[in-house]
Amino acid sequence: MFKFRGDRTSLLKDLAVRVSQVWSSFDSARASEPEVGEKTLHILSEDLPRSGRGESLTLAQAVDILDQSTAQSRPRFFAYIGSSGLEMGAVADFLASSYDINLAVDSKAATLLERQAARWIGQFIGYDDNAKGLFTSGGTISNITALAAARTKRFPNARKEGVRDRVAIYCSQEAHYSNIRAVELLGFGSEAIRSIAIDENRRMRIDAFEAAIKDDIANGVVPLAVIASSGTTLTGAIDPLNEIADICERYGVWMHIDGAYGAPAAGTAKAKALFHGLERADSVTIDAHKWLFVPKACSIVLMKHYEPLVRTFSHNEAYMPHDSDEPNAVDITLEYSRPVRALKMWMGFAAHGADEFEAAITANLELAELTYDRASRSEDFRVLPNRPQLSIVPIQFTPPGVRDASGLNRRIYEEILEDGRIYLSPATIDGEIWLRPCYTNFRTTETDVEALFEVIRELGLRNAPEFS
């Protein structure tokens, strides 16, 4: 069953040639994004094949389909917070899928590899030299995992009895929506969220945070956890972590850091000071498939001890062996079927070294500063009053005479999607529409930043009369 029509060696040679071409195509930007061709549309409209097409044809069709898709690995993908598809990570995915190991229970060397990769990430960001962690499918699952642990610590019988008290979870008003989703899924209800005001740098206001805790305590509400942002999705703001940690210690509040996007920058000399206090957190989320460059999906939740996770998730099932003092992964996570996601991060660090990751992140930070400086010096661009803390740089194209800047920048975004030379997303900040370049790709260079400004100015000037 499932025999190849050709032989494995031929297929692997064909795959190697095609993947090498794909990787090379990511080294520089292409002139525009291709349209989905008629041939591809026909293939993707066919019914279930009863007999196979063969491996060679199927591989060729798959590459064509993917090449006509929007890939975040390209150097001029400035939208959202993309991944870069690190090549060693792609190799790791191939190996992990080939072995198809399940990390639910002890898998010998693969289990040790996951623990080492977690420890390496903890060392890289300065969280803890012996950090414990588990790899998940994304920041949403990592955040849910951390908040579930916070619930168990405060309410040890919650798994059996549920939570009968009213609780509060605190985050800045620009925290990522996945945190609200986590609160809802854990049964606290979105009304448990306390959206804390931000300061002029778009960071959580410490005075407002402590005032909210005092108000909740006075009203019989349990202050359960705070979700501190280490790089908001909107502007890249980093909450004042050390001051938040002080308040958490004062009131017994679990401190979780949502560093899905920004926490890797703590591993750079350039940005390390912004993360003072990160090492005091109870838990930290990082999406390695964002600013650690590896392919999706690869997130991690870090803690200093396994105990909160064991008390939250463990079950002594007869069919799950427990042969060592270390917990099985199934005892510290939501998932039973777990691929070796850690392999791509392990291979990345092992092949390239932490210094190269630091250099790549630093280069992205410098591109953000370059963008901010260039826009601030230009008469036809507008920037926020505060410099970028990380690698997100909201800008507005505002040539003289334009009265509706939001309308113009919305139109520019819409035309960028049609144009195809760059890919950019908008952001609504204080009720206004901004363009929001984000640099998280190690392939992006100053030349790509030049192209960003050229395309925005060209499309903006073409549409400016309509908004003047």
Protein backbone atom coordinates (compact mmCIF):
# COMPACT_ATOMS: atom_id res chain seq x y z
CA MET A 1 0.00 0.00 0.00
CA PHE A 2 1.01 3.63 -0.68
CA LYS A 3 3.94 2.65 -2.86
CA PHE A 4 5.52 5.35 -5.02
CA ARG A 5 5.14 5.00 -8.78
CA GLY A 6 8.78 5.95 -9.10
CA ASP A 7 11.42 5.40 -6.43
CA ARG A 8 12.11 7.35 -3.27
CA THR A 9 15.51 8.55 -4.39
CA SER A 10 14.10 10.19 -7.52
CA LEU A 11 11.35 11.89 -5.55
CA LEU A 12 13.80 13.19 -2.97
CA LYS A 13 16.09 14.53 -5.69
CA ASP A 14 13.14 16.28 -7.33
CA LEU A 15 12.10 17.67 -3.94
CA ALA A 16 15.63 18.93 -3.23
CA VAL A 17 15.77 20.81 -6.54
CA ARG A 18 12.35 22.38 -6.06
CA VAL A 19 12.95 23.38 -2.42
CA SER A 20 16.31 24.92 -3.36
CA GLN A 21 14.53 27.01 -5.99
CA VAL A 22 11.88 28.05 -3.48
CA TRP A 23 14.46 29.11 -0.91
CA SER A 24 16.37 31.07 -3.54
CA SER A 25 13.18 32.86 -4.55
CA PHE A 26 12.87 34.18 -1.00
CA ASP A 27 16.32 35.79 -1.06
CA SER A 28 15.04 38.82 -2.95
CA ALA A 29 11.64 40.36 -3.59
CA ARG A 30 9.73 39.50 -6.73
CA ALA A 31 8.20 42.23 -8.88
CA SER A 32 4.64 41.40 -7.85
CA GLU A 33 2.54 38.64 -6.43
CA PRO A 34 1.30 36.28 -9.17
CA GLU A 35 -2.38 35.78 -9.81
CA VAL A 36 -3.88 32.35 -9.20
CA GLY A 37 -3.78 30.83 -12.69
CA GLU A 38 -6.58 29.09 -14.51
CA LYS A 39 -4.75 25.77 -14.36
CA THR A 40 -4.44 26.04 -10.59
CA LEU A 41 -8.06 27.07 -10.20
CA HIS A 42 -9.07 23.99 -12.21
CA ILE A 43 -6.95 21.69 -10.03
CA LEU A 44 -8.40 23.17 -6.86
CA SER A 45 -11.99 22.75 -8.07
CA GLU A 46 -11.75 19.03 -8.83
CA ASP A 47 -13.58 16.39 -6.82
CA LEU A 48 -11.86 13.75 -4.70
CA PRO A 49 -9.53 11.66 -6.92
CA ARG A 50 -10.31 7.95 -6.76
CA SER A 51 -6.90 7.04 -8.20
CA GLY A 52 -3.69 8.90 -7.55
CA ARG A 53 -1.86 11.24 -9.91
CA GLY A 54 1.53 9.98 -8.87
CA GLU A 55 4.09 11.57 -6.61
CA SER A 56 6.01 13.62 -9.21
CA LEU A 57 2.97 15.34 -10.68
CA THR A 58 1.50 15.90 -7.22
CA LEU A 59 4.72 17.51 -5.99
CA ALA A 60 4.86 19.80 -9.02
CA GLN A 61 1.23 20.85 -8.53
CA ALA A 62 1.77 21.50 -4.82
CA VAL A 63 4.74 23.78 -5.50
CA ASP A 64 2.74 25.70 -8.13
CA ILE A 65 -0.16 26.16 -5.69
CA LEU A 66 2.09 27.37 -2.89
CA ASP A 67 3.97 29.70 -5.20
CA GLN A 68 0.68 31.40 -6.06
CA SER A 69 -0.09 31.92 -2.36
CA THR A 70 0.87 34.79 -0.05
CA ALA A 71 4.05 33.72 1.74
CA GLN A 72 5.22 35.63 4.80
CA SER A 73 8.79 34.48 4.19
CA ARG A 74 9.30 37.03 1.42
CA PRO A 75 11.42 40.07 2.40
CA ARG A 76 8.75 42.68 1.56
CA PHE A 77 6.00 41.09 3.61
CA PHE A 78 5.63 43.91 6.14
CA ALA A 79 2.13 42.99 7.33
CA TYR A 80 1.02 41.57 10.66
CA ILE A 81 3.85 39.83 12.54
CA GLY A 82 5.14 37.32 10.06
CA SER A 83 7.46 34.37 10.17
CA SER A 84 10.53 33.94 7.99
CA GLY A 85 10.55 30.22 7.28
CA LEU A 86 14.12 29.66 8.50
CA GLU A 87 15.57 26.99 6.22
CA MET A 88 16.92 24.82 9.05
CA GLY A 89 13.43 24.98 10.52
CA ALA A 90 11.97 23.67 7.28
CA VAL A 91 14.48 20.80 7.35
CA ALA A 92 13.43 20.13 10.94
CA ASP A 93 9.77 19.98 9.92
CA PHE A 94 10.61 17.42 7.24
CA LEU A 95 12.52 15.28 9.73
CA ALA A 96 9.88 15.62 12.45
CA SER A 97 7.12 14.61 10.06
CA SER A 98 9.18 11.70 8.77
CA TYR A 99 9.78 10.26 12.23
CA ASP A 100 6.28 11.31 13.39
CA ILE A 101 7.20 11.03 17.07
CA ASN A 102 4.46 11.76 19.61
CA LEU A 103 5.74 13.73 22.59
CA ALA A 104 2.71 12.97 24.74
CA VAL A 105 4.78 10.54 26.79
CA ASP A 106 8.50 10.07 27.25
CA SER A 107 10.08 9.69 23.82
CA LYS A 108 13.66 9.34 25.02
CA ALA A 109 16.03 11.65 23.12
CA ALA A 110 13.22 13.72 21.56
CA THR A 111 11.84 14.49 25.02
CA LEU A 112 15.27 15.60 26.20
CA LEU A 113 15.60 17.75 23.08
CA GLU A 114 12.36 19.59 23.86
CA ARG A 115 13.52 20.29 27.40
CA GLN A 116 16.86 21.55 26.15
CA ALA A 117 15.25 23.79 23.52
CA ALA A 118 13.01 25.32 26.20
CA ARG A 119 16.03 25.92 28.41
CA TRP A 120 17.91 27.52 25.52
CA ILE A 121 15.07 29.96 24.85
CA GLY A 122 14.90 30.82 28.55
CA GLN A 123 18.64 31.52 28.50
CA PHE A 124 18.42 33.54 25.29
CA ILE A 125 15.83 36.00 26.60
CA GLY A 126 17.31 36.14 30.12
CA TYR A 127 14.27 34.60 31.79
CA ASP A 128 15.87 31.69 33.63
CA ASP A 129 18.92 29.55 32.90
CA ASN A 130 16.96 26.42 33.81
CA ALA A 131 13.58 27.42 32.39
CA LYS A 132 10.95 24.74 31.95
CA GLY A 133 8.66 24.87 28.99
CA LEU A 134 6.54 23.11 26.47
CA PHE A 135 5.99 23.82 22.82
CA THR A 136 2.49 24.48 21.56
CA SER A 137 0.78 25.34 18.28
CA GLY A 138 0.65 29.08 18.92
CA GLY A 139 0.42 32.00 21.31
CA THR A 140 -3.28 31.46 21.97
CA ILE A 141 -2.69 27.95 23.36
CA SER A 142 0.39 29.12 25.25
CA ASN A 143 -1.54 31.96 26.88
CA ILE A 144 -4.45 29.67 27.76
CA THR A 145 -1.98 27.23 29.33
CA ALA A 146 -0.39 29.92 31.47
CA LEU A 147 -3.71 31.32 32.69
CA ALA A 148 -4.95 27.82 33.48
CA ALA A 149 -1.89 27.39 35.70
CA ALA A 150 -2.62 30.73 37.37
CA ARG A 151 -6.18 29.55 38.07
CA THR A 152 -4.95 26.32 39.67
CA LYS A 153 -2.46 28.12 41.87
CA ARG A 154 -5.12 30.46 43.25
CA PHE A 155 -7.91 27.85 43.33
CA PRO A 156 -6.31 24.41 43.95
CA ASN A 157 -9.68 22.62 43.65
CA ALA A 158 -10.78 24.41 40.50
CA ARG A 159 -10.49 21.29 38.34
CA LYS A 160 -13.09 19.53 40.46
CA GLU A 161 -15.24 22.35 41.78
CA GLY A 162 -14.77 25.06 39.19
CA VAL A 163 -14.22 28.67 40.24
CA ARG A 164 -17.03 30.09 42.32
CA ASP A 165 -15.44 33.43 43.13
CA ARG A 166 -15.45 36.43 40.85
CA VAL A 167 -11.98 37.01 39.48
CA ALA A 168 -10.17 39.73 37.57
CA ILE A 169 -7.46 39.47 34.93
CA TYR A 170 -5.61 42.66 34.04
CA CYS A 171 -4.05 43.70 30.73
CA SER A 172 -3.43 46.90 28.84
CA GLN A 173 -6.15 48.21 26.57
CA GLU A 174 -3.98 47.25 23.58
CA ALA A 175 -3.23 43.67 24.66
CA HIS A 176 -3.70 40.95 22.05
CA TYR A 177 -7.20 39.54 21.63
CA SER A 178 -5.96 35.99 22.23
CA ASN A 179 -5.77 36.85 25.92
CA ILE A 180 -9.46 37.76 26.02
CA ARG A 181 -10.21 34.51 24.21
CA ALA A 182 -8.21 32.61 26.84
CA VAL A 183 -10.19 34.24 29.66
CA GLU A 184 -13.46 33.37 27.94
CA LEU A 185 -12.50 29.75 27.27
CA LEU A 186 -11.39 29.23 30.86
CA GLY A 187 -14.88 30.15 31.99
CA PHE A 188 -14.12 33.44 33.70
CA GLY A 189 -16.13 35.45 31.19
CA SER A 190 -14.92 38.50 29.31
CA GLU A 191 -16.30 40.69 32.12
CA ALA A 192 -13.36 39.46 34.19
CA ILE A 193 -10.99 41.41 31.94
CA ARG A 194 -9.78 44.73 33.31
CA SER A 195 -8.57 46.82 30.39
CA ILE A 196 -5.97 49.11 31.90
CA ALA A 197 -5.30 52.56 30.45
CA ILE A 198 -2.02 53.20 28.65
CA ASP A 199 0.51 56.03 28.95
CA GLU A 200 2.00 58.28 26.28
CA ASN A 201 4.28 55.41 25.21
CA ARG A 202 1.25 53.09 24.90
CA ARG A 203 2.35 51.01 27.92
CA MET A 204 0.15 49.89 30.78
CA ARG A 205 -0.16 52.63 33.39
CA ILE A 206 1.10 51.34 36.72
CA ASP A 207 -1.09 53.67 38.79
CA ALA A 208 -4.20 52.53 36.92
CA PHE A 209 -3.20 48.87 37.33
CA GLU A 210 -2.80 49.12 41.09
CA ALA A 211 -5.97 51.20 41.44
CA ALA A 212 -7.93 48.50 39.59
CA ILE A 213 -6.60 45.82 41.95
CA LYS A 214 -7.55 47.82 45.02
CA ASP A 215 -11.01 48.46 43.63
CA ASP A 216 -11.55 44.75 42.92
CA ILE A 217 -10.41 43.71 46.39
CA ALA A 218 -12.77 46.24 47.94
CA ASN A 219 -15.62 44.74 45.93
CA GLY A 220 -14.87 41.11 46.78
CA VAL A 221 -13.23 40.27 43.44
CA VAL A 222 -10.10 38.09 43.41
CA PRO A 223 -7.16 39.65 41.47
CA LEU A 224 -6.04 36.49 39.70
CA ALA A 225 -3.47 37.42 37.06
CA VAL A 226 -2.00 40.18 34.96
CA ILE A 227 -1.08 39.74 31.30
CA ALA A 228 1.81 42.08 30.62
CA SER A 229 2.54 42.79 26.97
CA SER A 230 6.09 42.54 25.74
CA GLY A 231 5.42 43.96 22.31
CA THR A 232 1.82 44.82 21.54
CA THR A 233 0.58 43.87 18.10
CA LEU A 234 -0.55 47.40 17.36
CA THR A 235 2.61 49.42 18.05
CA GLY A 236 5.17 47.08 19.66
CA ALA A 237 4.82 48.65 23.12
CA ILE A 238 6.40 46.91 26.12
CA ASP A 239 4.64 47.26 29.44
CA PRO A 240 6.78 48.31 32.46
CA LEU A 241 7.57 44.77 33.56
CA ASN A 242 9.56 45.42 36.70
CA GLU A 243 6.96 47.77 38.16
CA ILE A 244 4.23 45.27 37.29
CA ALA A 245 6.21 42.55 39.07
CA ASP A 246 6.42 44.73 42.20
CA ILE A 247 2.64 45.08 42.29
CA CYS A 248 2.10 41.38 41.62
CA GLU A 249 4.28 40.47 44.58
CA ARG A 250 2.46 42.97 46.77
CA TYR A 251 -0.99 41.55 46.03
CA GLY A 252 -0.24 37.91 45.21
CA VAL A 253 -1.14 38.21 41.52
CA TRP A 254 0.19 35.77 38.90
CA MET A 255 2.37 37.63 36.41
CA HIS A 256 2.14 36.33 32.86
CA ILE A 257 4.05 37.98 30.02
CA ASP A 258 2.59 37.76 26.55
CA GLY A 259 5.83 38.05 24.65
CA ALA A 260 4.57 36.10 21.65
CA TYR A 261 5.93 38.77 19.34
CA GLY A 262 8.43 40.87 21.23
CA ALA A 263 10.15 38.79 23.90
CA PRO A 264 12.98 37.52 21.64
CA ALA A 265 14.28 41.10 21.51
CA ALA A 266 15.18 40.66 25.18
CA GLY A 267 18.04 38.54 23.85
CA THR A 268 19.67 41.54 22.17
CA ALA A 269 22.05 44.05 23.72
CA LYS A 270 20.14 46.78 21.90
CA ALA A 271 16.73 46.13 23.50
CA LYS A 272 17.51 44.14 26.66
CA ALA A 273 16.97 47.08 29.03
CA LEU A 274 13.35 47.43 27.88
CA PHE A 275 12.60 44.00 29.35
CA HIS A 276 13.86 44.63 32.89
CA GLY A 277 11.66 42.53 35.17
CA LEU A 278 10.93 39.78 32.63
CA GLU A 279 12.91 37.38 34.79
CA ARG A 280 10.42 37.89 37.64
CA ALA A 281 7.38 36.64 35.72
CA ASP A 282 5.56 33.43 36.63
CA SER A 283 5.15 32.55 32.95
CA VAL A 284 6.16 33.84 29.53
CA THR A 285 4.76 33.12 26.07
CA ILE A 286 6.96 33.32 22.98
CA ASP A 287 6.02 32.46 19.41
CA ALA A 288 9.25 31.14 17.94
CA HIS A 289 7.55 31.24 14.54
CA LYS A 290 7.51 35.01 14.74
CA TRP A 291 10.74 36.70 15.83
CA LEU A 292 12.83 33.58 16.22
CA PHE A 293 12.23 33.06 12.50
CA VAL A 294 11.32 29.34 12.40
CA PRO A 295 8.33 28.07 10.39
CA LYS A 296 4.86 27.81 11.89
CA ALA A 297 3.66 26.42 14.17
CA CYS A 298 6.07 26.78 17.06
CA SER A 299 5.12 28.58 20.27
CA ILE A 300 6.37 28.00 23.79
CA VAL A 301 5.18 28.78 27.29
CA LEU A 302 8.01 29.10 29.80
CA MET A 303 7.90 28.72 33.57
CA LYS A 304 10.52 28.20 36.24
CA HIS A 305 8.95 24.99 37.57
CA TYR A 306 6.68 22.28 36.19
CA GLU A 307 4.55 22.11 39.34
CA PRO A 308 1.86 24.63 38.31
CA LEU A 309 1.37 22.79 35.02
CA VAL A 310 1.35 19.35 36.65
CA ARG A 311 -1.35 20.43 39.09
CA THR A 312 -3.34 21.88 36.22
CA PHE A 313 -3.22 19.09 33.62
CA SER A 314 -1.94 15.78 35.05
CA HIS A 315 -4.00 12.58 35.06
CA ASN A 316 -2.82 9.17 36.17
CA GLU A 317 -4.29 7.19 33.30
CA ALA A 318 -3.51 3.48 33.25
CA TYR A 319 -2.39 3.62 29.62
CA MET A 320 0.04 6.52 30.19
CA PRO A 321 3.29 5.19 31.71
CA HIS A 322 5.18 7.27 34.28
CA ASP A 323 8.69 5.85 34.37
CA SER A 324 10.64 8.83 35.70
CA ASP A 325 10.40 11.73 38.12
CA GLU A 326 9.95 14.16 35.24
CA PRO A 327 6.32 14.63 34.14
CA ASN A 328 5.17 13.37 30.78
CA ALA A 329 4.30 16.15 28.37
CA VAL A 330 0.68 15.03 28.44
CA ASP A 331 0.68 15.91 32.17
CA ILE A 332 1.67 19.53 31.58
CA THR A 333 -0.21 20.51 28.45
CA LEU A 334 -3.61 20.51 26.78
CA GLU A 335 -2.53 18.21 23.97
CA TYR A 336 -2.27 14.44 23.77
CA SER A 337 -0.89 14.25 20.23
CA ARG A 338 2.21 16.43 20.13
CA PRO A 339 4.68 16.60 17.22
CA VAL A 340 8.31 17.48 17.88
CA ARG A 341 7.77 21.21 17.35
CA ALA A 342 10.87 21.96 19.38
CA LEU A 343 13.12 20.37 16.76
CA LYS A 344 13.00 23.40 14.45
CA MET A 345 14.08 25.75 17.25
CA TRP A 346 16.73 23.30 18.47
CA MET A 347 18.18 22.90 14.98
CA GLY A 348 18.09 26.67 14.45
CA PHE A 349 20.11 27.39 17.58
CA ALA A 350 22.42 24.41 17.04
CA ALA A 351 23.18 25.26 13.41
CA HIS A 352 23.46 29.04 13.60
CA GLY A 353 24.11 29.90 17.25
CA ALA A 354 22.43 32.45 19.50
CA ASP A 355 24.65 35.28 18.28
CA GLU A 356 23.26 35.02 14.76
CA PHE A 357 19.70 35.18 16.07
CA GLU A 358 20.62 38.24 18.11
CA ALA A 359 22.17 39.88 15.05
CA ALA A 360 19.07 39.21 12.93
CA ILE A 361 16.70 40.63 15.54
CA THR A 362 18.96 43.65 16.01
CA ALA A 363 18.94 44.27 12.26
CA ASN A 364 15.11 44.32 12.33
CA LEU A 365 15.19 46.83 15.19
CA GLU A 366 17.51 49.05 13.18
CA LEU A 367 15.23 48.88 10.13
CA ALA A 368 12.38 50.09 12.33
CA GLU A 369 14.46 53.04 13.51
CA LEU A 370 15.47 53.78 9.92
CA THR A 371 11.81 53.81 8.88
CA TYR A 372 10.83 56.09 11.74
CA ASP A 373 13.68 58.52 11.06
CA ARG A 374 13.05 58.66 7.35
CA ALA A 375 9.30 59.19 7.78
CA SER A 376 9.79 61.84 10.47
CA ARG A 377 12.14 63.80 8.17
CA SER A 378 9.72 63.67 5.23
CA GLU A 379 7.19 66.44 4.76
CA ASP A 380 4.64 64.01 3.35
CA PHE A 381 4.78 61.41 6.13
CA ARG A 382 3.62 61.45 9.74
CA VAL A 383 4.82 59.32 12.66
CA LEU A 384 3.71 58.71 16.23
CA PRO A 385 5.35 60.98 18.85
CA ASN A 386 7.20 58.06 20.44
CA ARG A 387 9.98 56.19 18.67
CA PRO A 388 9.45 52.48 18.01
CA GLN A 389 10.25 50.32 21.00
CA LEU A 390 10.60 47.23 18.84
CA SER A 391 10.12 46.63 15.11
CA ILE A 392 6.61 47.96 14.42
CA VAL A 393 6.51 51.48 12.95
CA PRO A 394 3.07 53.00 12.26
CA ILE A 395 3.32 55.71 9.58
CA GLN A 396 0.82 57.86 7.68
CA PHE A 397 1.22 59.29 4.21
CA THR A 398 0.02 62.89 4.54
CA PRO A 399 1.00 65.01 1.53
CA PRO A 400 0.15 68.74 1.65
CA GLY A 401 -3.50 69.50 1.07
CA VAL A 402 -4.90 66.14 2.19
CA ARG A 403 -7.83 66.59 4.56
CA ASP A 404 -8.79 62.96 5.13
CA ALA A 405 -5.53 61.22 6.03
CA SER A 406 -7.31 58.12 7.32
CA GLY A 407 -9.27 57.74 4.11
CA LEU A 408 -6.17 58.16 1.98
CA ASN A 409 -4.15 55.63 3.97
CA ARG A 410 -6.98 53.13 3.86
CA ARG A 411 -7.03 53.52 0.08
CA ILE A 412 -3.25 53.11 -0.10
CA TYR A 413 -3.54 49.84 1.83
CA GLU A 414 -6.26 48.58 -0.52
CA GLU A 415 -4.18 49.44 -3.59
CA ILE A 416 -1.08 47.83 -2.09
CA LEU A 417 -2.96 44.54 -2.00
CA GLU A 418 -3.76 44.90 -5.71
CA ASP A 419 -0.30 46.22 -6.64
CA GLY A 420 1.64 43.27 -5.23
CA ARG A 421 5.12 44.79 -4.92
CA ILE A 422 4.91 44.90 -1.13
CA TYR A 423 2.47 43.56 1.43
CA LEU A 424 1.35 45.87 4.23
CA SER A 425 -1.41 45.97 6.83
CA PRO A 426 -3.31 48.93 8.32
CA ALA A 427 -3.77 49.80 11.97
CA THR A 428 -6.40 51.88 13.71
CA ILE A 429 -4.67 54.00 16.35
CA ASP A 430 -6.71 56.49 18.37
CA GLY A 431 -9.43 56.35 15.74
CA GLU A 432 -7.13 57.04 12.78
CA ILE A 433 -5.95 54.70 10.01
CA TRP A 434 -2.20 54.21 9.82
CA LEU A 435 0.03 51.99 7.70
CA ARG A 436 1.91 49.55 9.90
CA PRO A 437 5.17 48.06 8.61
CA CYS A 438 6.54 45.35 10.87
CA TYR A 439 10.04 43.92 10.52
CA THR A 440 10.44 40.33 11.69
CA ASN A 441 12.15 38.83 8.64
CA PHE A 442 15.89 38.23 8.58
CA ARG A 443 15.84 38.65 4.78
CA THR A 444 14.54 42.24 4.84
CA THR A 445 17.13 44.94 4.06
CA GLU A 446 17.36 48.72 3.69
CA THR A 447 16.63 48.27 -0.01
CA ASP A 448 13.25 46.80 0.92
CA VAL A 449 12.56 49.78 3.18
CA GLU A 450 13.32 52.07 0.23
CA ALA A 451 10.79 50.13 -1.84
CA LEU A 452 8.23 50.50 0.95
CA PHE A 453 8.43 54.29 0.80
CA GLU A 454 8.47 54.37 -2.98
CA VAL A 455 5.31 52.28 -3.31
CA ILE A 456 3.43 54.19 -0.60
CA ARG A 457 4.34 57.55 -2.11
CA GLU A 458 3.49 56.46 -5.66
CA LEU A 459 0.09 55.04 -4.74
CA GLY A 460 -0.58 57.85 -2.28
CA LEU A 461 0.06 60.66 -4.74
CA ARG A 462 -2.15 58.94 -7.31
CA ASN A 463 -5.07 58.91 -4.87
CA ALA A 464 -4.40 62.09 -2.88
CA PRO A 465 -6.69 64.43 -4.94
CA GLU A 466 -9.72 62.38 -3.91
CA PHE A 467 -8.99 63.06 -0.22
CA SER A 468 -7.96 66.73 -0.46
